[in-house]
Protein backbone atom coordinates (compact mmCIF):
# COMPACT_ATOMS: atom_id res chain seq x y z
CA MET A 1 -1.33 18.25 -6.49
CA PRO A 2 -0.52 14.85 -4.94
CA ILE A 3 -3.28 12.96 -3.24
CA LYS A 4 -2.56 12.74 0.47
CA GLU A 5 -3.40 9.72 2.56
CA HIS A 6 -4.55 11.93 5.44
CA MET A 7 -6.70 14.62 3.90
CA THR A 8 -8.37 17.63 5.38
CA THR A 9 -10.77 17.77 2.42
CA ASP A 10 -13.01 15.17 0.87
CA LEU A 11 -10.95 12.56 -0.98
CA LEU A 12 -13.44 12.24 -3.84
CA PHE A 13 -13.36 15.98 -4.48
CA GLN A 14 -9.58 16.04 -4.25
CA ILE A 15 -9.28 13.24 -6.83
CA PHE A 16 -11.88 14.97 -9.03
CA HIS A 17 -9.97 18.26 -8.85
CA GLN A 18 -6.64 16.57 -9.58
CA HIS A 19 -7.96 14.82 -12.71
CA LEU A 20 -9.81 17.94 -13.86
CA HIS A 21 -6.67 20.07 -13.76
CA ASP A 22 -4.20 17.42 -14.92
CA PRO A 23 -2.41 18.92 -17.96
CA ASP A 24 -1.41 15.45 -19.17
CA CYS A 25 -4.94 14.06 -19.13
CA GLN A 26 -6.14 13.46 -22.68
CA ILE A 27 -9.69 12.51 -21.70
CA GLU A 28 -12.28 14.74 -23.33
CA SER A 29 -15.38 12.62 -22.80
CA GLU A 30 -17.53 13.38 -19.78
CA ARG A 31 -18.26 9.67 -19.32
CA GLU A 32 -14.59 8.63 -19.50
CA PHE A 33 -13.63 11.38 -17.06
CA ILE A 34 -16.25 10.25 -14.55
CA HIS A 35 -15.12 6.62 -14.84
CA LYS A 36 -11.50 7.64 -14.27
CA VAL A 37 -12.35 9.65 -11.15
CA VAL A 38 -14.58 6.90 -9.74
CA GLY A 39 -11.97 4.24 -10.54
CA THR A 40 -9.24 6.16 -8.73
CA TYR A 41 -11.50 6.74 -5.73
CA LEU A 42 -12.48 3.05 -5.60
CA LEU A 43 -8.81 2.12 -5.66
CA PHE A 44 -8.22 4.20 -2.51
CA LEU A 45 -11.32 2.76 -0.84
CA SER A 46 -10.39 -0.82 -1.67
CA ARG A 47 -6.90 -0.33 -0.23
CA ALA A 48 -8.52 0.59 3.04
CA GLY A 49 -10.95 -2.34 2.75
CA ASN A 50 -14.02 -0.12 2.92
CA ILE A 51 -16.13 -1.55 0.08
CA PRO A 52 -18.56 -4.35 0.90
CA GLN A 53 -18.58 -6.66 -2.15
CA GLY A 54 -22.34 -7.14 -2.13
CA HIS A 55 -22.87 -3.40 -2.53
CA LEU A 56 -20.08 -2.55 -4.96
CA GLN A 57 -22.37 -1.78 -7.91
CA ASP A 58 -24.55 0.47 -5.74
CA VAL A 59 -21.45 2.31 -4.53
CA ILE A 60 -20.25 2.79 -8.12
CA GLU A 61 -23.62 4.16 -9.25
CA ASP A 62 -23.76 6.58 -6.31
CA LEU A 63 -20.21 7.75 -6.95
CA GLU A 64 -20.86 8.24 -10.66
CA ALA A 65 -23.91 10.37 -9.87
CA GLU A 66 -21.94 12.44 -7.36
CA VAL A 67 -19.00 12.98 -9.72
CA LEU A 68 -21.39 13.91 -12.54
CA GLU A 69 -22.93 16.58 -10.32
CA MET A 70 -19.49 17.93 -9.38
CA TYR A 71 -18.48 17.88 -13.05
CA ARG A 72 -21.55 19.82 -14.15
CA LYS A 73 -21.13 22.44 -11.43
CA LYS A 74 -17.42 22.90 -12.04
CA THR A 75 -17.58 23.04 -15.85
CA TYR A 76 -20.79 25.09 -16.07
CA GLY A 77 -20.60 27.42 -19.06
CA SER A 78 -18.19 25.21 -21.00
CA TYR A 79 -19.25 23.02 -23.90
CA ASN A 80 -17.13 20.09 -22.80
CA LEU A 81 -14.05 19.14 -20.80
CA LYS A 82 -11.65 20.30 -23.52
CA ASP A 83 -13.35 23.69 -23.69
CA TYR A 84 -13.23 24.01 -19.88
CA ARG A 85 -9.51 23.27 -19.79
CA GLU A 86 -8.78 25.70 -22.63
CA ASN A 87 -10.74 28.46 -20.89
CA LEU A 88 -9.02 27.70 -17.59
CA LYS A 89 -5.58 27.89 -19.25
CA LYS A 90 -6.56 31.13 -21.00
CA ARG A 91 -7.69 32.71 -17.72
CA TRP A 92 -4.54 31.54 -15.98
CA ASP A 93 -2.32 32.96 -18.75
CA GLU A 94 -4.16 36.29 -18.63
CA SER A 95 -3.69 36.58 -14.87
CA ARG A 96 0.10 36.34 -15.21
């Protein structure tokens, strides 16, 4: 799912969802995944010039906390990211 410049949904959630369901993503660590999502989101924000430099670290910490919450809710019941993706693929294959 490509990230659109003019979204009807929250950009952070859209980026999160894209990375979570990316079949080519080799990231298995929760921490690495969160950093990747936050980094991508910050890239979009910085292109628009929306990040005040004096508050960048605060913005990063807030984003990391928000992505962690989304991650925990979305992957609830899975041991880790790899397990979540395997279960998702299994469910998708069974529904075919």
